[in-house]
C-alpha atoms as a PDB file:
ATOM      1  CA  MET A   1      -9.989 -13.102 -37.014  1.00  0.00           C
ATOM      2  CA  SER A   2      -8.026  -9.951 -37.827  1.00  0.00           C
ATOM      3  CA  ALA A   3      -4.305 -10.034 -38.527  1.00  0.00           C
ATOM      4  CA  THR A   4      -3.722  -7.965 -35.408  1.00  0.00           C
ATOM      5  CA  SER A   5      -5.647 -10.425 -33.234  1.00  0.00           C
ATOM      6  CA  HIS A   6      -3.864 -13.352 -34.834  1.00  0.00           C
ATOM      7  CA  ASN A   7      -0.456 -11.805 -34.167  1.00  0.00           C
ATOM      8  CA  ARG A   8      -1.322 -11.083 -30.548  1.00  0.00           C
ATOM      9  CA  ASP A   9      -2.674 -14.601 -29.979  1.00  0.00           C
ATOM     10  CA  SER A  10       0.412 -16.089 -31.630  1.00  0.00           C
ATOM     11  CA  HIS A  11       2.635 -14.447 -29.010  1.00  0.00           C
ATOM     12  CA  PRO A  12       0.810 -14.707 -25.664  1.00  0.00           C
ATOM     13  CA  ASP A  13       3.945 -13.977 -23.639  1.00  0.00           C
ATOM     14  CA  ARG A  14       4.656 -10.849 -25.639  1.00  0.00           C
ATOM     15  CA  SER A  15       1.021  -9.775 -25.327  1.00  0.00           C
ATOM     16  CA  ALA A  16       1.050 -10.207 -21.554  1.00  0.00           C
ATOM     17  CA  GLU A  17       4.333  -8.307 -21.298  1.00  0.00           C
ATOM     18  CA  THR A  18       2.936  -5.429 -23.379  1.00  0.00           C
ATOM     19  CA  ARG A  19      -0.226  -5.285 -21.297  1.00  0.00           C
ATOM     20  CA  THR A  20       1.763  -5.173 -18.059  1.00  0.00           C
ATOM     21  CA  ARG A  21       4.040  -2.460 -19.452  1.00  0.00           C
ATOM     22  CA  ILE A  22       0.999  -0.368 -20.367  1.00  0.00           C
ATOM     23  CA  LEU A  23      -0.513  -0.865 -16.907  1.00  0.00           C
ATOM     24  CA  ASP A  24       2.716   0.121 -15.151  1.00  0.00           C
ATOM     25  CA  SER A  25       2.934   3.281 -17.251  1.00  0.00           C
ATOM     26  CA  ALA A  26      -0.744   4.026 -16.642  1.00  0.00           C
ATOM     27  CA  LEU A  27      -0.279   3.569 -12.910  1.00  0.00           C
ATOM     28  CA  ARG A  28       2.464   6.194 -12.813  1.00  0.00           C
ATOM     29  CA  GLU A  29       0.475   8.654 -14.912  1.00  0.00           C
ATOM     30  CA  PHE A  30      -2.831   8.221 -13.052  1.00  0.00           C
ATOM     31  CA  SER A  31      -1.207   8.380  -9.630  1.00  0.00           C
ATOM     32  CA  ALA A  32       0.513  11.636 -10.535  1.00  0.00           C
ATOM     33  CA  ASN A  33      -2.338  13.369 -12.378  1.00  0.00           C
ATOM     34  CA  GLY A  34      -5.584  11.578 -11.524  1.00  0.00           C
ATOM     35  CA  LEU A  35      -8.122  10.164 -13.948  1.00  0.00           C
ATOM     36  CA  ALA A  36      -9.128  13.544 -15.370  1.00  0.00           C
ATOM     37  CA  GLY A  37      -5.618  14.954 -15.697  1.00  0.00           C
ATOM     38  CA  ALA A  38      -3.828  11.869 -17.021  1.00  0.00           C
ATOM     39  CA  ARG A  39      -2.902  11.865 -20.714  1.00  0.00           C
ATOM     40  CA  THR A  40      -3.157   8.661 -22.713  1.00  0.00           C
ATOM     41  CA  GLU A  41      -0.436  10.002 -25.032  1.00  0.00           C
ATOM     42  CA  GLN A  42       1.973  10.054 -22.113  1.00  0.00           C
ATOM     43  CA  ILE A  43       0.990   6.542 -21.072  1.00  0.00           C
ATOM     44  CA  ALA A  44       1.519   5.190 -24.572  1.00  0.00           C
ATOM     45  CA  ALA A  45       4.872   6.941 -24.960  1.00  0.00           C
ATOM     46  CA  ALA A  46       6.126   5.686 -21.584  1.00  0.00           C
ATOM     47  CA  ALA A  47       5.018   2.130 -22.442  1.00  0.00           C
ATOM     48  CA  GLY A  48       6.662   2.291 -25.865  1.00  0.00           C
ATOM     49  CA  VAL A  49       3.435   1.605 -27.802  1.00  0.00           C
ATOM     50  CA  ASN A  50       1.101   3.619 -29.998  1.00  0.00           C
ATOM     51  CA  LYS A  51      -2.041   5.144 -28.537  1.00  0.00           C
ATOM     52  CA  ALA A  52      -4.345   2.873 -30.544  1.00  0.00           C
ATOM     53  CA  LEU A  53      -2.915  -0.143 -28.742  1.00  0.00           C
ATOM     54  CA  LEU A  54      -4.103   1.244 -25.381  1.00  0.00           C
ATOM     55  CA  TYR A  55      -7.679   1.163 -26.603  1.00  0.00           C
ATOM     56  CA  TYR A  56      -7.154  -2.228 -28.224  1.00  0.00           C
ATOM     57  CA  TYR A  57      -6.353  -3.687 -24.812  1.00  0.00           C
ATOM     58  CA  PHE A  58      -8.546  -1.551 -22.549  1.00  0.00           C
ATOM     59  CA  GLU A  59     -11.228   0.118 -24.746  1.00  0.00           C
ATOM     60  CA  SER A  60     -11.303   3.408 -22.815  1.00  0.00           C
ATOM     61  CA  LYS A  61      -9.310   5.639 -20.513  1.00  0.00           C
ATOM     62  CA  GLU A  62     -11.692   4.810 -17.645  1.00  0.00           C
ATOM     63  CA  LYS A  63     -11.220   1.047 -18.099  1.00  0.00           C
ATOM     64  CA  LEU A  64      -7.455   1.508 -18.248  1.00  0.00           C
ATOM     65  CA  TYR A  65      -7.607   3.458 -14.976  1.00  0.00           C
ATOM     66  CA  GLN A  66      -9.658   0.740 -13.294  1.00  0.00           C
ATOM     67  CA  ALA A  67      -7.336  -1.992 -14.561  1.00  0.00           C
ATOM     68  CA  ALA A  68      -4.290  -0.126 -13.220  1.00  0.00           C
ATOM     69  CA  LEU A  69      -5.952   0.373  -9.840  1.00  0.00           C
ATOM     70  CA  GLU A  70      -6.966  -3.286  -9.668  1.00  0.00           C
ATOM     71  CA  MET A  71      -3.428  -4.363 -10.564  1.00  0.00           C
ATOM     72  CA  VAL A  72      -1.721  -2.360  -7.831  1.00  0.00           C
ATOM     73  CA  SER A  73      -4.435  -3.276  -5.304  1.00  0.00           C
ATOM     74  CA  SER A  74      -3.963  -6.959  -6.078  1.00  0.00           C
ATOM     75  CA  ARG A  75      -0.237  -6.606  -5.407  1.00  0.00           C
ATOM     76  CA  VAL A  76      -0.995  -5.098  -2.009  1.00  0.00           C
ATOM     77  CA  ARG A  77      -3.564  -7.797  -1.256  1.00  0.00           C
ATOM     78  CA  ASP A  78      -1.185 -10.621  -2.177  1.00  0.00           C
ATOM     79  CA  ARG A  79       1.623  -9.208  -0.062  1.00  0.00           C
ATOM     80  CA  SER A  80      -0.683  -8.646   2.916  1.00  0.00           C
ATOM     81  CA  MET A  81      -2.192 -12.113   2.564  1.00  0.00           C
ATOM     82  CA  ALA A  82       1.284 -13.654   2.602  1.00  0.00           C
ATOM     83  CA  ILE A  83       1.966 -11.952   5.929  1.00  0.00           C
ATOM     84  CA  LEU A  84      -1.402 -12.738   7.512  1.00  0.00           C
ATOM     85  CA  LEU A  85      -1.262 -16.413   6.494  1.00  0.00           C
ATOM     86  CA  ARG A  86       2.399 -17.124   7.236  1.00  0.00           C
ATOM     87  CA  GLU A  87       3.507 -19.736   9.766  1.00  0.00           C
ATOM     88  CA  ALA A  88       3.777 -17.604  12.895  1.00  0.00           C
ATOM     89  CA  SER A  89       1.819 -16.700  16.005  1.00  0.00           C
ATOM     90  CA  PRO A  90      -1.070 -14.208  15.643  1.00  0.00           C
ATOM     91  CA  GLY A  91       0.959 -11.585  17.499  1.00  0.00           C
ATOM     92  CA  GLU A  92       3.966 -11.912  15.220  1.00  0.00           C
ATOM     93  CA  ARG A  93       1.796 -11.705  12.117  1.00  0.00           C
ATOM     94  CA  LEU A  94       0.115  -8.587  13.461  1.00  0.00           C
ATOM     95  CA  LEU A  95       3.456  -6.896  14.145  1.00  0.00           C
ATOM     96  CA  ARG A  96       4.686  -7.774  10.674  1.00  0.00           C
ATOM     97  CA  MET A  97       1.488  -6.478   9.106  1.00  0.00           C
ATOM     98  CA  ALA A  98       1.832  -3.118  10.897  1.00  0.00           C
ATOM     99  CA  LEU A  99       5.463  -2.854   9.814  1.00  0.00           C
ATOM    100  CA  ASP A 100       4.642  -3.776   6.218  1.00  0.00           C
ATOM    101  CA  HIS A 101       1.882  -1.146   6.201  1.00  0.00           C
ATOM    102  CA  PHE A 102       4.366   1.517   7.334  1.00  0.00           C
ATOM    103  CA  ASP A 103       6.782   0.474   4.598  1.00  0.00           C
ATOM    104  CA  ARG A 104       3.994   0.459   2.004  1.00  0.00           C
ATOM    105  CA  VAL A 105       2.977   4.020   2.820  1.00  0.00           C
ATOM    106  CA  LEU A 106       6.658   4.929   2.678  1.00  0.00           C
ATOM    107  CA  THR A 107       7.536   3.309  -0.641  1.00  0.00           C
ATOM    108  CA  GLN A 108       4.431   2.627  -2.744  1.00  0.00           C
ATOM    109  CA  ARG A 109       3.523   6.094  -3.906  1.00  0.00           C
ATOM    110  CA  GLU A 110       1.234   4.996  -6.728  1.00  0.00           C
ATOM    111  CA  PHE A 111      -1.090   2.898  -4.582  1.00  0.00           C
ATOM    112  CA  GLN A 112      -1.369   5.484  -1.831  1.00  0.00           C
ATOM    113  CA  SER A 113      -2.007   8.296  -4.303  1.00  0.00           C
ATOM    114  CA  MET A 114      -4.715   6.435  -6.194  1.00  0.00           C
ATOM    115  CA  MET A 115      -6.457   5.387  -3.003  1.00  0.00           C
ATOM    116  CA  GLN A 116      -6.533   9.038  -1.896  1.00  0.00           C
ATOM    117  CA  GLN A 117      -8.047   9.977  -5.246  1.00  0.00           C
ATOM    118  CA  GLU A 118     -10.709   7.304  -4.907  1.00  0.00           C
ATOM    119  CA  MET A 119     -11.573   8.522  -1.404  1.00  0.00           C
ATOM    120  CA  MET A 120     -12.027  12.035  -2.762  1.00  0.00           C
ATOM    121  CA  ARG A 121     -14.234  10.779  -5.580  1.00  0.00           C
ATOM    122  CA  LEU A 122     -16.354   8.863  -3.100  1.00  0.00           C
ATOM    123  CA  HIS A 123     -16.775  11.919  -0.837  1.00  0.00           C
ATOM    124  CA  ALA A 124     -17.758  13.970  -3.890  1.00  0.00           C
ATOM    125  CA  GLY A 125     -20.515  11.491  -4.703  1.00  0.00           C
ATOM    126  CA  GLU A 126     -18.860  10.252  -7.887  1.00  0.00           C
ATOM    127  CA  GLU A 127     -19.080   6.684  -9.065  1.00  0.00           C
ATOM    128  CA  GLY A 128     -15.577   5.367  -8.645  1.00  0.00           C
ATOM    129  CA  SER A 129     -13.712   2.098  -8.292  1.00  0.00           C
ATOM    130  CA  LEU A 130     -13.380   2.080  -4.506  1.00  0.00           C
ATOM    131  CA  PRO A 131     -16.391  -0.187  -3.806  1.00  0.00           C
ATOM    132  CA  ILE A 132     -14.936  -2.793  -6.169  1.00  0.00           C
ATOM    133  CA  ILE A 133     -11.494  -2.570  -4.560  1.00  0.00           C
ATOM    134  CA  VAL A 134     -12.997  -2.835  -1.083  1.00  0.00           C
ATOM    135  CA  LYS A 135     -14.901  -5.990  -2.048  1.00  0.00           C
ATOM    136  CA  ARG A 136     -11.940  -7.660  -3.747  1.00  0.00           C
ATOM    137  CA  VAL A 137      -9.086  -6.522  -1.518  1.00  0.00           C
ATOM    138  CA  PHE A 138      -9.939  -4.918   1.799  1.00  0.00           C
ATOM    139  CA  ALA A 139     -12.979  -6.946   2.852  1.00  0.00           C
ATOM    140  CA  PRO A 140     -11.081 -10.284   2.663  1.00  0.00           C
ATOM    141  CA  LEU A 141      -8.114  -8.776   4.517  1.00  0.00           C
ATOM    142  CA  MET A 142     -10.400  -7.363   7.216  1.00  0.00           C
ATOM    143  CA  SER A 143     -12.043 -10.748   7.707  1.00  0.00           C
ATOM    144  CA  ILE A 144      -8.669 -12.471   8.120  1.00  0.00           C
ATOM    145  CA  PHE A 145      -7.528  -9.750  10.527  1.00  0.00           C
ATOM    146  CA  GLN A 146     -10.538 -10.311  12.771  1.00  0.00           C
ATOM    147  CA  SER A 147      -9.936 -14.071  12.770  1.00  0.00           C
ATOM    148  CA  LEU A 148      -6.270 -13.466  13.568  1.00  0.00           C
ATOM    149  CA  LEU A 149      -7.144 -11.379  16.603  1.00  0.00           C
ATOM    150  CA  ARG A 150      -9.718 -13.865  17.856  1.00  0.00           C
ATOM    151  CA  GLU A 151      -7.087 -16.595  17.588  1.00  0.00           C
ATOM    152  CA  GLY A 152      -4.528 -14.501  19.462  1.00  0.00           C
ATOM    153  CA  ILE A 153      -6.969 -13.608  22.235  1.00  0.00           C
ATOM    154  CA  ALA A 154      -8.174 -17.195  22.598  1.00  0.00           C
ATOM    155  CA  SER A 155      -4.585 -18.474  22.879  1.00  0.00           C
ATOM    156  CA  GLY A 156      -3.757 -15.938  25.591  1.00  0.00           C
ATOM    157  CA  GLU A 157      -1.087 -14.212  23.505  1.00  0.00           C
ATOM    158  CA  LEU A 158      -2.995 -10.973  22.862  1.00  0.00           C
ATOM    159  CA  VAL A 159      -4.986  -8.767  25.216  1.00  0.00           C
ATOM    160  CA  ASN A 160      -8.762  -9.076  25.083  1.00  0.00           C
ATOM    161  CA  ALA A 161      -9.563  -5.753  23.430  1.00  0.00           C
ATOM    162  CA  ASP A 162     -11.862  -4.466  20.702  1.00  0.00           C
ATOM    163  CA  TRP A 163     -10.511  -5.662  17.345  1.00  0.00           C
ATOM    164  CA  MET A 164     -11.201  -2.361  15.617  1.00  0.00           C
ATOM    165  CA  GLN A 165      -9.182  -0.457  18.214  1.00  0.00           C
ATOM    166  CA  ILE A 166      -6.235  -2.794  17.718  1.00  0.00           C
ATOM    167  CA  LEU A 167      -6.512  -2.306  13.963  1.00  0.00           C
ATOM    168  CA  LEU A 168      -6.501   1.465  14.422  1.00  0.00           C
ATOM    169  CA  ALA A 169      -3.530   1.266  16.766  1.00  0.00           C
ATOM    170  CA  ALA A 170      -1.601  -0.946  14.349  1.00  0.00           C
ATOM    171  CA  LEU A 171      -2.377   0.852  11.073  1.00  0.00           C
ATOM    172  CA  GLY A 172      -4.110   4.125  11.897  1.00  0.00           C
ATOM    173  CA  ALA A 173      -1.030   5.543  13.588  1.00  0.00           C
ATOM    174  CA  ASN A 174       0.899   5.184  10.322  1.00  0.00           C
ATOM    175  CA  VAL A 175      -1.718   7.058   8.326  1.00  0.00           C
ATOM    176  CA  PHE A 176      -1.980   9.830  10.907  1.00  0.00           C
ATOM    177  CA  TYR A 177       1.774  10.339  11.027  1.00  0.00           C
ATOM    178  CA  PHE A 178       2.148  10.846   7.294  1.00  0.00           C
ATOM    179  CA  LEU A 179      -0.996  12.939   6.914  1.00  0.00           C
ATOM    180  CA  SER A 180      -0.077  15.217   9.802  1.00  0.00           C
ATOM    181  CA  ALA A 181       3.609  15.501   8.880  1.00  0.00           C
ATOM    182  CA  PRO A 182       3.298  18.998   7.304  1.00  0.00           C
ATOM    183  CA  ALA A 183       1.544  20.302  10.450  1.00  0.00           C
ATOM    184  CA  LEU A 184       4.154  18.641  12.667  1.00  0.00           C
ATOM    185  CA  ARG A 185       6.872  20.383  10.725  1.00  0.00           C
ATOM    186  CA  LEU A 186       5.169  23.768  11.149  1.00  0.00           C
ATOM    187  CA  THR A 187       4.675  23.122  14.852  1.00  0.00           C
ATOM    188  CA  MET A 188       8.292  22.084  15.335  1.00  0.00           C
ATOM    189  CA  PRO A 189      10.431  23.867  12.717  1.00  0.00           C
ATOM    190  CA  GLU A 190      13.532  21.888  13.674  1.00  0.00           C
ATOM    191  CA  PHE A 191      11.697  18.592  13.149  1.00  0.00           C
ATOM    192  CA  ASN A 192      11.888  16.929   9.710  1.00  0.00           C
ATOM    193  CA  PRO A 193       9.290  14.110   9.647  1.00  0.00           C
ATOM    194  CA  PHE A 194      10.739  12.701   6.420  1.00  0.00           C
ATOM    195  CA  ASP A 195      14.368  12.616   7.417  1.00  0.00           C
ATOM    196  CA  TRP A 196      15.679   9.057   6.999  1.00  0.00           C
ATOM    197  CA  GLU A 197      16.726   8.689  10.645  1.00  0.00           C
ATOM    198  CA  THR A 198      13.407  10.143  11.871  1.00  0.00           C
ATOM    199  CA  LEU A 199      11.481   7.673   9.733  1.00  0.00           C
ATOM    200  CA  ARG A 200      13.634   4.808  10.980  1.00  0.00           C
ATOM    201  CA  GLN A 201      12.889   5.761  14.575  1.00  0.00           C
ATOM    202  CA  ARG A 202       9.159   6.174  13.931  1.00  0.00           C
ATOM    203  CA  ARG A 203       9.064   2.762  12.267  1.00  0.00           C
ATOM    204  CA  ARG A 204      10.884   1.167  15.206  1.00  0.00           C
ATOM    205  CA  SER A 205       8.672   2.916  17.761  1.00  0.00           C
ATOM    206  CA  LEU A 206       5.540   1.613  16.054  1.00  0.00           C
ATOM    207  CA  VAL A 207       6.529  -2.028  16.489  1.00  0.00           C
ATOM    208  CA  GLU A 208       7.997  -1.543  19.959  1.00  0.00           C
ATOM    209  CA  PHE A 209       4.793   0.154  21.137  1.00  0.00           C
ATOM    210  CA  LEU A 210       2.603  -2.657  19.806  1.00  0.00           C
ATOM    211  CA  GLY A 211       4.896  -5.196  21.460  1.00  0.00           C
ATOM    212  CA  GLN A 212       4.118  -3.528  24.786  1.00  0.00           C
ATOM    213  CA  ALA A 213       0.465  -2.647  24.198  1.00  0.00           C
ATOM    214  CA  ILE A 214      -1.295  -5.669  22.719  1.00  0.00           C
ATOM    215  CA  PHE A 215       0.529  -8.635  24.287  1.00  0.00           C
ATOM    216  CA  VAL A 216      -0.567 -10.183  27.574  1.00  0.00           C
ATOM    217  CA  ASN A 217       3.073 -10.901  28.370  1.00  0.00           C
ATOM    218  CA  ARG A 218       4.858  -7.611  27.724  1.00  0.00           C
ATOM    219  CA  SER A 219       8.329  -9.114  27.980  1.00  0.00           C
ATOM    220  CA  SER A 220       7.440 -11.671  25.331  1.00  0.00           C
ATOM    221  CA  GLY A 221       5.914  -8.932  23.183  1.00  0.00           C
ATOM    222  CA  ALA A 222       9.034  -6.788  23.469  1.00  0.00           C
ATOM    223  CA  GLU A 223      11.286  -9.711  22.504  1.00  0.00           C
ATOM    224  CA  LEU A 224       9.072 -10.530  19.522  1.00  0.00           C
ATOM    225  CA  ALA A 225       9.063  -6.889  18.405  1.00  0.00           C
ATOM    226  CA  ALA A 226      12.867  -6.816  18.540  1.00  0.00           C
ATOM    227  CA  ARG A 227      13.088 -10.004  16.455  1.00  0.00           C
ATOM    228  CA  VAL A 228      10.647  -8.724  13.839  1.00  0.00           C
ATOM    229  CA  LEU A 229      12.576  -5.464  13.516  1.00  0.00           C
ATOM    230  CA  ALA A 230      15.892  -7.300  13.290  1.00  0.00           C
ATOM    231  CA  ASP A 231      14.855  -9.361  10.264  1.00  0.00           C
ATOM    232  CA  SER A 232      12.849  -6.590   8.536  1.00  0.00           C
ATOM    233  CA  PRO A 233      15.340  -3.931   7.440  1.00  0.00           C
ATOM    234  CA  MET A 234      14.362  -0.349   6.759  1.00  0.00           C
ATOM    235  CA  PRO A 235      13.734   0.394   3.053  1.00  0.00           C
ATOM    236  CA  ALA A 236      16.696   2.076   1.395  1.00  0.00           C
ATOM    237  CA  GLY A 237      16.623   5.850   1.159  1.00  0.00           C
ATOM    238  CA  GLU A 238      16.124   5.830  -2.609  1.00  0.00           C
ATOM    239  CA  GLU A 239      12.977   3.696  -2.237  1.00  0.00           C
ATOM    240  CA  ILE A 240      11.247   6.168   0.035  1.00  0.00           C
ATOM    241  CA  GLN A 241       8.626   8.263  -1.715  1.00  0.00           C
ATOM    242  CA  PRO A 242       5.536   8.967   0.428  1.00  0.00           C
ATOM    243  CA  ALA A 243       2.472   9.640  -1.686  1.00  0.00           C
ATOM    244  CA  ASN A 244       1.613  13.255  -2.306  1.00  0.00           C
ATOM    245  CA  PHE A 245       1.709  14.203   1.377  1.00  0.00           C
ATOM    246  CA  GLN A 246       4.249  16.780   0.226  1.00  0.00           C
ATOM    247  CA  VAL A 247       7.208  16.872  -2.146  1.00  0.00           C
ATOM    248  CA  ILE A 248      10.239  15.667  -0.229  1.00  0.00           C
ATOM    249  CA  GLU A 249      13.762  14.435  -0.527  1.00  0.00           C
ATOM    250  CA  VAL A 250      14.943  11.753   1.846  1.00  0.00           C
ATOM    251  CA  LYS A 251      18.652  11.412   2.436  1.00  0.00           C
ATOM    252  CA  ARG A 252      20.212   8.714   4.530  1.00  0.00           C
ATOM    253  CA  LYS A 253      22.693  10.013   7.048  1.00  0.00           C
END
């Protein structure tokens, strides 16, 4: 065993902390510049380690990229799982999932940016990491979502509608809003889609709409939507950083 390996094994907590620091730095660099444009020198400098240590832990730039993507995807999966499996009715969990998705797009720039990059690589016919992420993260979440809807429909809480359409209504609206924001701004010059108050209203409207649209009892759905919004505060202005939709500044009024 080499002296370097012995030292690392003698301090497992320090080793884990160093690895996480490298991954966090890599995540920022890859999300900003992509796999091809990212510089390992920048990652090492930001993590406070020498470049050789990156390859000691991850062997190659490509493996470091995949590890960073898997790390951030696992964080999203764990947070989503906690919402989908919490002690609450199917309808409440669905509302909370839609709200959390809005907040994730709003605040988790690195994940959104890297997922966009992986989509582009897939469309270009490149071998990327998206199939692995789908298998480990999105496929399990999709399965739970379908079960959640079946439970809600069977109990009489949710309307008997196509599960995919409900998924698109709950999450697709968020994606469309942020992707189309530059066009909305051109169409309505006085409209700032990333103004803090505008975002707050869009976030509220999402949950209020679902409370009316997917519940058999609309009054009950509206009350539940109001309760979910009341105990799920809007992210602070300094947290808001939508991923590469355009460069923005969000200021709370």
